[in-house]
Amino acid sequence: AFIAEIVRAGILAISKGQTEAAAALGIKPRRIMSLVILPQALRVII
């Protein structure tokens, strides 16, 4: 339950522009989270 809040905060810390840029490149929505958002959120999560 605590880790979930940490992960949520880490994801929200990433600019929405990253998601929009990934979508503009044609990356599927399911892959955007694993390839773009979570790797950048790790620096906030760990």
PDB file of all heavy atoms in Angstrom:
ATOM      1  N   ALA A   1       0.831  -1.206   0.000  1.00  0.00           N
ATOM      2  CA  ALA A   1       0.000   0.000   0.000  1.00  0.00           C
ATOM      3  C   ALA A   1       0.869   1.261   0.000  1.00  0.00           C
ATOM      4  O   ALA A   1       0.567   2.241  -0.691  1.00  0.00           O
ATOM      5  CB  ALA A   1      -0.930  -0.003   1.214  1.00  0.00           C
ATOM      6  N   PHE A   2       1.962   1.242   0.754  1.00  0.00           N
ATOM      7  CA  PHE A   2       2.870   2.391   0.777  1.00  0.00           C
ATOM      8  C   PHE A   2       3.664   2.482  -0.526  1.00  0.00           C
ATOM      9  O   PHE A   2       3.900   3.582  -1.041  1.00  0.00           O
ATOM     10  CB  PHE A   2       3.826   2.282   1.967  1.00  0.00           C
ATOM     11  CG  PHE A   2       3.143   2.419   3.301  1.00  0.00           C
ATOM     12  CD1 PHE A   2       2.653   1.305   3.961  1.00  0.00           C
ATOM     13  CD2 PHE A   2       2.990   3.661   3.888  1.00  0.00           C
ATOM     14  CE1 PHE A   2       2.025   1.423   5.190  1.00  0.00           C
ATOM     15  CE2 PHE A   2       2.366   3.793   5.123  1.00  0.00           C
ATOM     16  CZ  PHE A   2       1.877   2.672   5.770  1.00  0.00           C
ATOM     17  N   ILE A   3       4.093   1.329  -1.043  1.00  0.00           N
ATOM     18  CA  ILE A   3       4.837   1.331  -2.297  1.00  0.00           C
ATOM     19  C   ILE A   3       3.958   1.848  -3.435  1.00  0.00           C
ATOM     20  O   ILE A   3       4.430   2.543  -4.337  1.00  0.00           O
ATOM     21  CB  ILE A   3       5.370  -0.075  -2.598  1.00  0.00           C
ATOM     22  CG1 ILE A   3       6.421  -0.483  -1.554  1.00  0.00           C
ATOM     23  CG2 ILE A   3       5.970  -0.152  -4.000  1.00  0.00           C
ATOM     24  CD1 ILE A   3       6.978  -1.876  -1.742  1.00  0.00           C
ATOM     25  N   ALA A   4       2.667   1.514  -3.402  1.00  0.00           N
ATOM     26  CA  ALA A   4       1.750   1.991  -4.439  1.00  0.00           C
ATOM     27  C   ALA A   4       1.710   3.515  -4.476  1.00  0.00           C
ATOM     28  O   ALA A   4       1.705   4.126  -5.560  1.00  0.00           O
ATOM     29  CB  ALA A   4       0.352   1.423  -4.200  1.00  0.00           C
ATOM     30  N   GLU A   5       1.685   4.141  -3.308  1.00  0.00           N
ATOM     31  CA  GLU A   5       1.679   5.609  -3.266  1.00  0.00           C
ATOM     32  C   GLU A   5       3.008   6.175  -3.755  1.00  0.00           C
ATOM     33  O   GLU A   5       3.045   7.234  -4.396  1.00  0.00           O
ATOM     34  CB  GLU A   5       1.390   6.082  -1.847  1.00  0.00           C
ATOM     35  CG  GLU A   5      -0.044   5.863  -1.406  1.00  0.00           C
ATOM     36  CD  GLU A   5      -1.024   6.621  -2.272  1.00  0.00           C
ATOM     37  OE1 GLU A   5      -1.252   7.810  -2.019  1.00  0.00           O
ATOM     38  OE2 GLU A   5      -1.562   6.016  -3.234  1.00  0.00           O
ATOM     39  N   ILE A   6       4.104   5.487  -3.459  1.00  0.00           N
ATOM     40  CA  ILE A   6       5.410   5.931  -3.949  1.00  0.00           C
ATOM     41  C   ILE A   6       5.460   5.851  -5.472  1.00  0.00           C
ATOM     42  O   ILE A   6       5.946   6.771  -6.148  1.00  0.00           O
ATOM     43  CB  ILE A   6       6.526   5.080  -3.320  1.00  0.00           C
ATOM     44  CG1 ILE A   6       6.592   5.329  -1.813  1.00  0.00           C
ATOM     45  CG2 ILE A   6       7.866   5.368  -3.971  1.00  0.00           C
ATOM     46  CD1 ILE A   6       7.544   4.401  -1.085  1.00  0.00           C
ATOM     47  N   VAL A   7       4.959   4.751  -6.022  1.00  0.00           N
ATOM     48  CA  VAL A   7       4.941   4.584  -7.477  1.00  0.00           C
ATOM     49  C   VAL A   7       4.041   5.636  -8.125  1.00  0.00           C
ATOM     50  O   VAL A   7       4.390   6.237  -9.150  1.00  0.00           O
ATOM     51  CB  VAL A   7       4.480   3.163  -7.842  1.00  0.00           C
ATOM     52  CG1 VAL A   7       4.259   3.033  -9.345  1.00  0.00           C
ATOM     53  CG2 VAL A   7       5.498   2.136  -7.368  1.00  0.00           C
ATOM     54  N   ARG A   8       2.880   5.858  -7.531  1.00  0.00           N
ATOM     55  CA  ARG A   8       1.958   6.857  -8.086  1.00  0.00           C
ATOM     56  C   ARG A   8       2.603   8.251  -8.084  1.00  0.00           C
ATOM     57  O   ARG A   8       2.498   8.997  -9.067  1.00  0.00           O
ATOM     58  CB  ARG A   8       0.667   6.887  -7.277  1.00  0.00           C
ATOM     59  CG  ARG A   8      -0.407   7.802  -7.839  1.00  0.00           C
ATOM     60  CD  ARG A   8      -1.718   7.608  -7.104  1.00  0.00           C
ATOM     61  NE  ARG A   8      -1.677   8.145  -5.758  1.00  0.00           N
ATOM     62  CZ  ARG A   8      -2.095   9.372  -5.421  1.00  0.00           C
ATOM     63  NH1 ARG A   8      -2.597  10.165  -6.352  1.00  0.00           N
ATOM     64  NH2 ARG A   8      -2.024   9.777  -4.178  1.00  0.00           N
ATOM     65  N   ALA A   9       3.273   8.599  -6.988  1.00  0.00           N
ATOM     66  CA  ALA A   9       3.944   9.899  -6.922  1.00  0.00           C
ATOM     67  C   ALA A   9       5.065   9.996  -7.952  1.00  0.00           C
ATOM     68  O   ALA A   9       5.268  11.052  -8.570  1.00  0.00           O
ATOM     69  CB  ALA A   9       4.490  10.131  -5.512  1.00  0.00           C
ATOM     70  N   GLY A  10       5.799   8.896  -8.139  1.00  0.00           N
ATOM     71  CA  GLY A  10       6.872   8.903  -9.127  1.00  0.00           C
ATOM     72  C   GLY A  10       6.354   9.096 -10.538  1.00  0.00           C
ATOM     73  O   GLY A  10       6.956   9.821 -11.344  1.00  0.00           O
ATOM     74  N   ILE A  11       5.228   8.447 -10.852  1.00  0.00           N
ATOM     75  CA  ILE A  11       4.644   8.598 -12.189  1.00  0.00           C
ATOM     76  C   ILE A  11       4.131  10.017 -12.395  1.00  0.00           C
ATOM     77  O   ILE A  11       4.328  10.622 -13.461  1.00  0.00           O
ATOM     78  CB  ILE A  11       3.513   7.569 -12.389  1.00  0.00           C
ATOM     79  CG1 ILE A  11       4.091   6.150 -12.391  1.00  0.00           C
ATOM     80  CG2 ILE A  11       2.757   7.835 -13.681  1.00  0.00           C
ATOM     81  CD1 ILE A  11       3.039   5.066 -12.441  1.00  0.00           C
ATOM     82  N   LEU A  12       3.483  10.571 -11.383  1.00  0.00           N
ATOM     83  CA  LEU A  12       2.962  11.936 -11.502  1.00  0.00           C
ATOM     84  C   LEU A  12       4.075  12.969 -11.602  1.00  0.00           C
ATOM     85  O   LEU A  12       3.843  14.090 -12.078  1.00  0.00           O
ATOM     86  CB  LEU A  12       2.061  12.260 -10.307  1.00  0.00           C
ATOM     87  CG  LEU A  12       0.740  11.487 -10.236  1.00  0.00           C
ATOM     88  CD1 LEU A  12      -0.007  11.834  -8.952  1.00  0.00           C
ATOM     89  CD2 LEU A  12      -0.127  11.779 -11.453  1.00  0.00           C
ATOM     90  N   ALA A  13       5.278  12.610 -11.144  1.00  0.00           N
ATOM     91  CA  ALA A  13       6.404  13.538 -11.221  1.00  0.00           C
ATOM     92  C   ALA A  13       6.938  13.682 -12.642  1.00  0.00           C
ATOM     93  O   ALA A  13       7.692  14.624 -12.925  1.00  0.00           O
ATOM     94  CB  ALA A  13       7.525  13.084 -10.288  1.00  0.00           C
ATOM     95  N   ILE A  14       6.565  12.763 -13.527  1.00  0.00           N
ATOM     96  CA  ILE A  14       7.018  12.822 -14.916  1.00  0.00           C
ATOM     97  C   ILE A  14       6.062  13.706 -15.715  1.00  0.00           C
ATOM     98  O   ILE A  14       4.845  13.576 -15.629  1.00  0.00           O
ATOM     99  CB  ILE A  14       7.073  11.411 -15.538  1.00  0.00           C
ATOM    100  CG1 ILE A  14       7.940  10.488 -14.668  1.00  0.00           C
ATOM    101  CG2 ILE A  14       7.610  11.473 -16.953  1.00  0.00           C
ATOM    102  CD1 ILE A  14       9.352  10.968 -14.471  1.00  0.00           C
ATOM    103  N   SER A  15       6.635  14.591 -16.486  1.00  0.00           N
ATOM    104  CA  SER A  15       5.832  15.520 -17.276  1.00  0.00           C
ATOM    105  C   SER A  15       4.919  14.776 -18.253  1.00  0.00           C
ATOM    106  O   SER A  15       5.307  13.754 -18.832  1.00  0.00           O
ATOM    107  CB  SER A  15       6.747  16.475 -18.048  1.00  0.00           C
ATOM    108  OG  SER A  15       6.006  17.255 -18.970  1.00  0.00           O
ATOM    109  N   LYS A  16       3.716  15.283 -18.436  1.00  0.00           N
ATOM    110  CA  LYS A  16       2.792  14.690 -19.398  1.00  0.00           C
ATOM    111  C   LYS A  16       3.311  14.788 -20.822  1.00  0.00           C
ATOM    112  O   LYS A  16       2.893  14.026 -21.704  1.00  0.00           O
ATOM    113  CB  LYS A  16       1.426  15.371 -19.297  1.00  0.00           C
ATOM    114  CG  LYS A  16       0.668  15.066 -18.013  1.00  0.00           C
ATOM    115  CD  LYS A  16      -0.719  15.693 -18.028  1.00  0.00           C
ATOM    116  CE  LYS A  16      -1.479  15.343 -16.763  1.00  0.00           C
ATOM    117  NZ  LYS A  16      -2.848  15.943 -16.755  1.00  0.00           N
ATOM    118  N   GLY A  17       4.223  15.712 -21.025  1.00  0.00           N
ATOM    119  CA  GLY A  17       4.816  15.837 -22.352  1.00  0.00           C
ATOM    120  C   GLY A  17       5.561  14.587 -22.782  1.00  0.00           C
ATOM    121  O   GLY A  17       5.660  14.298 -23.986  1.00  0.00           O
ATOM    122  N   GLN A  18       6.091  13.838 -21.808  1.00  0.00           N
ATOM    123  CA  GLN A  18       6.773  12.585 -22.138  1.00  0.00           C
ATOM    124  C   GLN A  18       5.792  11.585 -22.729  1.00  0.00           C
ATOM    125  O   GLN A  18       6.109  10.895 -23.707  1.00  0.00           O
ATOM    126  CB  GLN A  18       7.425  12.014 -20.874  1.00  0.00           C
ATOM    127  CG  GLN A  18       8.505  12.883 -20.269  1.00  0.00           C
ATOM    128  CD  GLN A  18       9.733  12.943 -21.140  1.00  0.00           C
ATOM    129  OE1 GLN A  18      10.146  11.939 -21.726  1.00  0.00           O
ATOM    130  NE2 GLN A  18      10.329  14.118 -21.248  1.00  0.00           N
ATOM    131  N   THR A  19       4.614  11.490 -22.135  1.00  0.00           N
ATOM    132  CA  THR A  19       3.590  10.578 -22.665  1.00  0.00           C
ATOM    133  C   THR A  19       3.139  11.015 -24.047  1.00  0.00           C
ATOM    134  O   THR A  19       2.980  10.189 -24.963  1.00  0.00           O
ATOM    135  CB  THR A  19       2.392  10.532 -21.707  1.00  0.00           C
ATOM    136  OG1 THR A  19       2.832  10.116 -20.415  1.00  0.00           O
ATOM    137  CG2 THR A  19       1.339   9.556 -22.204  1.00  0.00           C
ATOM    138  N   GLU A  20       2.931  12.313 -24.221  1.00  0.00           N
ATOM    139  CA  GLU A  20       2.489  12.816 -25.519  1.00  0.00           C
ATOM    140  C   GLU A  20       3.551  12.613 -26.588  1.00  0.00           C
ATOM    141  O   GLU A  20       3.235  12.265 -27.736  1.00  0.00           O
ATOM    142  CB  GLU A  20       2.142  14.293 -25.385  1.00  0.00           C
ATOM    143  CG  GLU A  20       0.963  14.553 -24.441  1.00  0.00           C
ATOM    144  CD  GLU A  20       0.774  16.026 -24.156  1.00  0.00           C
ATOM    145  OE1 GLU A  20       1.625  16.827 -24.624  1.00  0.00           O
ATOM    146  OE2 GLU A  20      -0.212  16.379 -23.479  1.00  0.00           O
ATOM    147  N   ALA A  21       4.820  12.810 -26.226  1.00  0.00           N
ATOM    148  CA  ALA A  21       5.898  12.611 -27.197  1.00  0.00           C
ATOM    149  C   ALA A  21       6.009  11.144 -27.597  1.00  0.00           C
ATOM    150  O   ALA A  21       6.217  10.815 -28.779  1.00  0.00           O
ATOM    151  CB  ALA A  21       7.222  13.098 -26.609  1.00  0.00           C
ATOM    152  N   ALA A  22       5.862  10.238 -26.615  1.00  0.00           N
ATOM    153  CA  ALA A  22       5.919   8.810 -26.923  1.00  0.00           C
ATOM    154  C   ALA A  22       4.761   8.397 -27.815  1.00  0.00           C
ATOM    155  O   ALA A  22       4.932   7.603 -28.754  1.00  0.00           O
ATOM    156  CB  ALA A  22       5.914   8.008 -25.623  1.00  0.00           C
ATOM    157  N   ALA A  23       3.573   8.941 -27.539  1.00  0.00           N
ATOM    158  CA  ALA A  23       2.419   8.618 -28.379  1.00  0.00           C
ATOM    159  C   ALA A  23       2.598   9.164 -29.789  1.00  0.00           C
ATOM    160  O   ALA A  23       2.198   8.526 -30.776  1.00  0.00           O
ATOM    161  CB  ALA A  23       1.148   9.183 -27.747  1.00  0.00           C
ATOM    162  N   ALA A  24       3.229  10.343 -29.911  1.00  0.00           N
ATOM    163  CA  ALA A  24       3.471  10.928 -31.228  1.00  0.00           C
ATOM    164  C   ALA A  24       4.437  10.089 -32.052  1.00  0.00           C
ATOM    165  O   ALA A  24       4.372  10.083 -33.289  1.00  0.00           O
ATOM    166  CB  ALA A  24       4.013  12.350 -31.080  1.00  0.00           C
ATOM    167  N   LEU A  25       5.327   9.353 -31.358  1.00  0.00           N
ATOM    168  CA  LEU A  25       6.267   8.476 -32.057  1.00  0.00           C
ATOM    169  C   LEU A  25       5.644   7.145 -32.444  1.00  0.00           C
ATOM    170  O   LEU A  25       6.309   6.308 -33.055  1.00  0.00           O
ATOM    171  CB  LEU A  25       7.499   8.231 -31.179  1.00  0.00           C
ATOM    172  CG  LEU A  25       8.400   9.450 -30.941  1.00  0.00           C
ATOM    173  CD1 LEU A  25       9.496   9.104 -29.935  1.00  0.00           C
ATOM    174  CD2 LEU A  25       9.009   9.935 -32.254  1.00  0.00           C
ATOM    175  N   GLY A  26       4.389   6.934 -32.052  1.00  0.00           N
ATOM    176  CA  GLY A  26       3.696   5.713 -32.431  1.00  0.00           C
ATOM    177  C   GLY A  26       3.821   4.586 -31.434  1.00  0.00           C
ATOM    178  O   GLY A  26       3.455   3.445 -31.739  1.00  0.00           O
ATOM    179  N   ILE A  27       4.324   4.866 -30.241  1.00  0.00           N
ATOM    180  CA  ILE A  27       4.443   3.817 -29.223  1.00  0.00           C
ATOM    181  C   ILE A  27       3.065   3.511 -28.656  1.00  0.00           C
ATOM    182  O   ILE A  27       2.278   4.415 -28.362  1.00  0.00           O
ATOM    183  CB  ILE A  27       5.402   4.262 -28.095  1.00  0.00           C
ATOM    184  CG1 ILE A  27       6.773   4.602 -28.680  1.00  0.00           C
ATOM    185  CG2 ILE A  27       5.530   3.171 -27.040  1.00  0.00           C
ATOM    186  CD1 ILE A  27       7.757   5.104 -27.652  1.00  0.00           C
ATOM    187  N   LYS A  28       2.778   2.225 -28.504  1.00  0.00           N
ATOM    188  CA  LYS A  28       1.478   1.817 -27.996  1.00  0.00           C
ATOM    189  C   LYS A  28       1.313   2.270 -26.541  1.00  0.00           C
ATOM    190  O   LYS A  28       2.296   2.312 -25.786  1.00  0.00           O
ATOM    191  CB  LYS A  28       1.322   0.303 -28.099  1.00  0.00           C
ATOM    192  CG  LYS A  28       1.352  -0.213 -29.528  1.00  0.00           C
ATOM    193  CD  LYS A  28       1.210  -1.726 -29.562  1.00  0.00           C
ATOM    194  CE  LYS A  28       1.243  -2.244 -31.008  1.00  0.00           C
ATOM    195  NZ  LYS A  28       1.111  -3.717 -31.067  1.00  0.00           N
ATOM    196  N   PRO A  29       0.079   2.603 -26.134  1.00  0.00           N
ATOM    197  CA  PRO A  29      -0.146   3.091 -24.762  1.00  0.00           C
ATOM    198  C   PRO A  29       0.368   2.140 -23.685  1.00  0.00           C
ATOM    199  O   PRO A  29       0.904   2.586 -22.667  1.00  0.00           O
ATOM    200  CB  PRO A  29      -1.671   3.247 -24.703  1.00  0.00           C
ATOM    201  CG  PRO A  29      -2.078   3.470 -26.117  1.00  0.00           C
ATOM    202  CD  PRO A  29      -1.146   2.657 -26.955  1.00  0.00           C
ATOM    203  N   ARG A  30       0.208   0.826 -23.897  1.00  0.00           N
ATOM    204  CA  ARG A  30       0.674  -0.120 -22.882  1.00  0.00           C
ATOM    205  C   ARG A  30       2.192  -0.126 -22.764  1.00  0.00           C
ATOM    206  O   ARG A  30       2.735  -0.444 -21.711  1.00  0.00           O
ATOM    207  CB  ARG A  30       0.156  -1.517 -23.209  1.00  0.00           C
ATOM    208  CG  ARG A  30      -1.341  -1.698 -23.006  1.00  0.00           C
ATOM    209  CD  ARG A  30      -1.790  -3.086 -23.376  1.00  0.00           C
ATOM    210  NE  ARG A  30      -1.568  -3.353 -24.804  1.00  0.00           N
ATOM    211  CZ  ARG A  30      -1.871  -4.506 -25.410  1.00  0.00           C
ATOM    212  NH1 ARG A  30      -2.378  -5.497 -24.711  1.00  0.00           N
ATOM    213  NH2 ARG A  30      -1.659  -4.669 -26.701  1.00  0.00           N
ATOM    214  N   ARG A  31       2.874   0.229 -23.869  1.00  0.00           N
ATOM    215  CA  ARG A  31       4.327   0.218 -23.843  1.00  0.00           C
ATOM    216  C   ARG A  31       4.896   1.542 -23.338  1.00  0.00           C
ATOM    217  O   ARG A  31       6.048   1.604 -22.923  1.00  0.00           O
ATOM    218  CB  ARG A  31       4.856  -0.061 -25.258  1.00  0.00           C
ATOM    219  CG  ARG A  31       4.378  -1.366 -25.854  1.00  0.00           C
ATOM    220  CD  ARG A  31       5.101  -2.539 -25.227  1.00  0.00           C
ATOM    221  NE  ARG A  31       6.477  -2.607 -25.693  1.00  0.00           N
ATOM    222  CZ  ARG A  31       7.389  -3.448 -25.191  1.00  0.00           C
ATOM    223  NH1 ARG A  31       7.057  -4.245 -24.188  1.00  0.00           N
ATOM    224  NH2 ARG A  31       8.622  -3.472 -25.671  1.00  0.00           N
ATOM    225  N   ILE A  32       4.101   2.599 -23.424  1.00  0.00           N
ATOM    226  CA  ILE A  32       4.578   3.898 -22.957  1.00  0.00           C
ATOM    227  C   ILE A  32       4.916   3.840 -21.474  1.00  0.00           C
ATOM    228  O   ILE A  32       5.938   4.372 -21.029  1.00  0.00           O
ATOM    229  CB  ILE A  32       3.522   4.984 -23.239  1.00  0.00           C
ATOM    230  CG1 ILE A  32       3.391   5.209 -24.742  1.00  0.00           C
ATOM    231  CG2 ILE A  32       3.885   6.284 -22.531  1.00  0.00           C
ATOM    232  CD1 ILE A  32       2.319   6.211 -25.118  1.00  0.00           C
ATOM    233  N   MET A  33       4.062   3.180 -20.683  1.00  0.00           N
ATOM    234  CA  MET A  33       4.296   3.103 -19.243  1.00  0.00           C
ATOM    235  C   MET A  33       5.575   2.345 -18.922  1.00  0.00           C
ATOM    236  O   MET A  33       6.374   2.773 -18.076  1.00  0.00           O
ATOM    237  CB  MET A  33       3.099   2.444 -18.560  1.00  0.00           C
ATOM    238  CG  MET A  33       3.235   2.313 -17.053  1.00  0.00           C
ATOM    239  SD  MET A  33       3.399   3.904 -16.215  1.00  0.00           S
ATOM    240  CE  MET A  33       1.766   4.586 -16.500  1.00  0.00           C
ATOM    241  N   SER A  34       5.805   1.211 -19.596  1.00  0.00           N
ATOM    242  CA  SER A  34       6.966   0.370 -19.273  1.00  0.00           C
ATOM    243  C   SER A  34       8.257   0.868 -19.896  1.00  0.00           C
ATOM    244  O   SER A  34       9.339   0.659 -19.337  1.00  0.00           O
ATOM    245  CB  SER A  34       6.707  -1.074 -19.728  1.00  0.00           C
ATOM    246  OG  SER A  34       6.484  -1.122 -21.137  1.00  0.00           O
ATOM    247  N   LEU A  35       8.183   1.537 -21.047  1.00  0.00           N
ATOM    248  CA  LEU A  35       9.396   1.952 -21.743  1.00  0.00           C
ATOM    249  C   LEU A  35       9.777   3.406 -21.501  1.00  0.00           C
ATOM    250  O   LEU A  35      10.955   3.761 -21.616  1.00  0.00           O
ATOM    251  CB  LEU A  35       9.234   1.721 -23.254  1.00  0.00           C
ATOM    252  CG  LEU A  35       9.081   0.271 -23.717  1.00  0.00           C
ATOM    253  CD1 LEU A  35       8.914   0.217 -25.232  1.00  0.00           C
ATOM    254  CD2 LEU A  35      10.285  -0.563 -23.294  1.00  0.00           C
ATOM    255  N   VAL A  36       8.801   4.244 -21.187  1.00  0.00           N
ATOM    256  CA  VAL A  36       9.077   5.680 -21.085  1.00  0.00           C
ATOM    257  C   VAL A  36       8.873   6.210 -19.665  1.00  0.00           C
ATOM    258  O   VAL A  36       9.768   6.845 -19.088  1.00  0.00           O
ATOM    259  CB  VAL A  36       8.187   6.470 -22.078  1.00  0.00           C
ATOM    260  CG1 VAL A  36       8.450   7.968 -21.948  1.00  0.00           C
ATOM    261  CG2 VAL A  36       8.434   6.001 -23.503  1.00  0.00           C
ATOM    262  N   ILE A  37       7.698   5.957 -19.097  1.00  0.00           N
ATOM    263  CA  ILE A  37       7.339   6.589 -17.824  1.00  0.00           C
ATOM    264  C   ILE A  37       8.062   5.952 -16.638  1.00  0.00           C
ATOM    265  O   ILE A  37       8.756   6.645 -15.873  1.00  0.00           O
ATOM    266  CB  ILE A  37       5.814   6.547 -17.620  1.00  0.00           C
ATOM    267  CG1 ILE A  37       5.105   7.220 -18.809  1.00  0.00           C
ATOM    268  CG2 ILE A  37       5.445   7.248 -16.322  1.00  0.00           C
ATOM    269  CD1 ILE A  37       5.519   8.641 -19.042  1.00  0.00           C
ATOM    270  N   LEU A  38       7.901   4.643 -16.456  1.00  0.00           N
ATOM    271  CA  LEU A  38       8.490   3.993 -15.276  1.00  0.00           C
ATOM    272  C   LEU A  38      10.013   4.115 -15.219  1.00  0.00           C
ATOM    273  O   LEU A  38      10.559   4.358 -14.139  1.00  0.00           O
ATOM    274  CB  LEU A  38       8.063   2.526 -15.219  1.00  0.00           C
ATOM    275  CG  LEU A  38       6.644   2.257 -14.704  1.00  0.00           C
ATOM    276  CD1 LEU A  38       6.339   0.770 -14.694  1.00  0.00           C
ATOM    277  CD2 LEU A  38       6.447   2.847 -13.315  1.00  0.00           C
ATOM    278  N   PRO A  39      10.746   3.929 -16.342  1.00  0.00           N
ATOM    279  CA  PRO A  39      12.206   4.112 -16.243  1.00  0.00           C
ATOM    280  C   PRO A  39      12.606   5.492 -15.740  1.00  0.00           C
ATOM    281  O   PRO A  39      13.581   5.630 -14.990  1.00  0.00           O
ATOM    282  CB  PRO A  39      12.674   3.881 -17.688  1.00  0.00           C
ATOM    283  CG  PRO A  39      11.649   2.970 -18.275  1.00  0.00           C
ATOM    284  CD  PRO A  39      10.352   3.415 -17.667  1.00  0.00           C
ATOM    285  N   GLN A  40      11.872   6.534 -16.135  1.00  0.00           N
ATOM    286  CA  GLN A  40      12.194   7.872 -15.641  1.00  0.00           C
ATOM    287  C   GLN A  40      11.726   8.078 -14.207  1.00  0.00           C
ATOM    288  O   GLN A  40      12.339   8.836 -13.447  1.00  0.00           O
ATOM    289  CB  GLN A  40      11.545   8.932 -16.539  1.00  0.00           C
ATOM    290  CG  GLN A  40      12.063   8.932 -17.973  1.00  0.00           C
ATOM    291  CD  GLN A  40      11.444  10.044 -18.788  1.00  0.00           C
ATOM    292  OE1 GLN A  40      11.754  11.222 -18.590  1.00  0.00           O
ATOM    293  NE2 GLN A  40      10.550   9.689 -19.703  1.00  0.00           N
ATOM    294  N   ALA A  41      10.650   7.393 -13.835  1.00  0.00           N
ATOM    295  CA  ALA A  41      10.117   7.545 -12.479  1.00  0.00           C
ATOM    296  C   ALA A  41      10.964   6.838 -11.437  1.00  0.00           C
ATOM    297  O   ALA A  41      10.833   7.126 -10.243  1.00  0.00           O
ATOM    298  CB  ALA A  41       8.680   7.028 -12.424  1.00  0.00           C
ATOM    299  N   LEU A  42      11.832   5.926 -11.875  1.00  0.00           N
ATOM    300  CA  LEU A  42      12.632   5.167 -10.917  1.00  0.00           C
ATOM    301  C   LEU A  42      13.496   6.075 -10.049  1.00  0.00           C
ATOM    302  O   LEU A  42      13.712   5.787  -8.865  1.00  0.00           O
ATOM    303  CB  LEU A  42      13.513   4.151 -11.655  1.00  0.00           C
ATOM    304  CG  LEU A  42      12.824   2.887 -12.158  1.00  0.00           C
ATOM    305  CD1 LEU A  42      13.805   2.019 -12.928  1.00  0.00           C
ATOM    306  CD2 LEU A  42      12.220   2.109 -11.008  1.00  0.00           C
ATOM    307  N   ARG A  43      13.997   7.150 -10.613  1.00  0.00           N
ATOM    308  CA  ARG A  43      14.860   8.045  -9.829  1.00  0.00           C
ATOM    309  C   ARG A  43      14.099   8.702  -8.680  1.00  0.00           C
ATOM    310  O   ARG A  43      14.707   9.140  -7.700  1.00  0.00           O
ATOM    311  CB  ARG A  43      15.477   9.103 -10.735  1.00  0.00           C
ATOM    312  CG  ARG A  43      14.464   9.969 -11.467  1.00  0.00           C
ATOM    313  CD  ARG A  43      15.121  10.823 -12.553  1.00  0.00           C
ATOM    314  NE  ARG A  43      14.136  11.570 -13.320  1.00  0.00           N
ATOM    315  CZ  ARG A  43      13.721  12.784 -13.018  1.00  0.00           C
ATOM    316  NH1 ARG A  43      14.220  13.381 -11.939  1.00  0.00           N
ATOM    317  NH2 ARG A  43      12.835  13.403 -13.760  1.00  0.00           N
ATOM    318  N   VAL A  44      12.770   8.786  -8.812  1.00  0.00           N
ATOM    319  CA  VAL A  44      11.936   9.319  -7.742  1.00  0.00           C
ATOM    320  C   VAL A  44      11.450   8.201  -6.822  1.00  0.00           C
ATOM    321  O   VAL A  44      11.280   8.398  -5.619  1.00  0.00           O
ATOM    322  CB  VAL A  44      10.724  10.079  -8.333  1.00  0.00           C
ATOM    323  CG1 VAL A  44       9.832  10.631  -7.230  1.00  0.00           C
ATOM    324  CG2 VAL A  44      11.198  11.193  -9.253  1.00  0.00           C
ATOM    325  N   ILE A  45      11.261   7.010  -7.372  1.00  0.00           N
ATOM    326  CA  ILE A  45      10.665   5.904  -6.626  1.00  0.00           C
ATOM    327  C   ILE A  45      11.657   5.221  -5.692  1.00  0.00           C
ATOM    328  O   ILE A  45      11.330   4.909  -4.543  1.00  0.00           O
ATOM    329  CB  ILE A  45      10.062   4.877  -7.610  1.00  0.00           C
ATOM    330  CG1 ILE A  45       8.867   5.477  -8.356  1.00  0.00           C
ATOM    331  CG2 ILE A  45       9.652   3.593  -6.888  1.00  0.00           C
ATOM    332  CD1 ILE A  45       8.334   4.588  -9.455  1.00  0.00           C
ATOM    333  N   ILE A  46      12.878   4.996  -6.158  1.00  0.00           N
ATOM    334  CA  ILE A  46      13.809   4.124  -5.428  1.00  0.00           C
ATOM    335  C   ILE A  46      14.190   4.654  -4.045  1.00  0.00           C
ATOM    336  O   ILE A  46      14.181   3.888  -3.071  1.00  0.00           O
ATOM    337  CB  ILE A  46      15.058   3.853  -6.282  1.00  0.00           C
ATOM    338  CG1 ILE A  46      14.678   2.979  -7.479  1.00  0.00           C
ATOM    339  CG2 ILE A  46      16.146   3.170  -5.459  1.00  0.00           C
ATOM    340  CD1 ILE A  46      15.828   2.650  -8.397  1.00  0.00           C
TER     341      ILE A  46
END
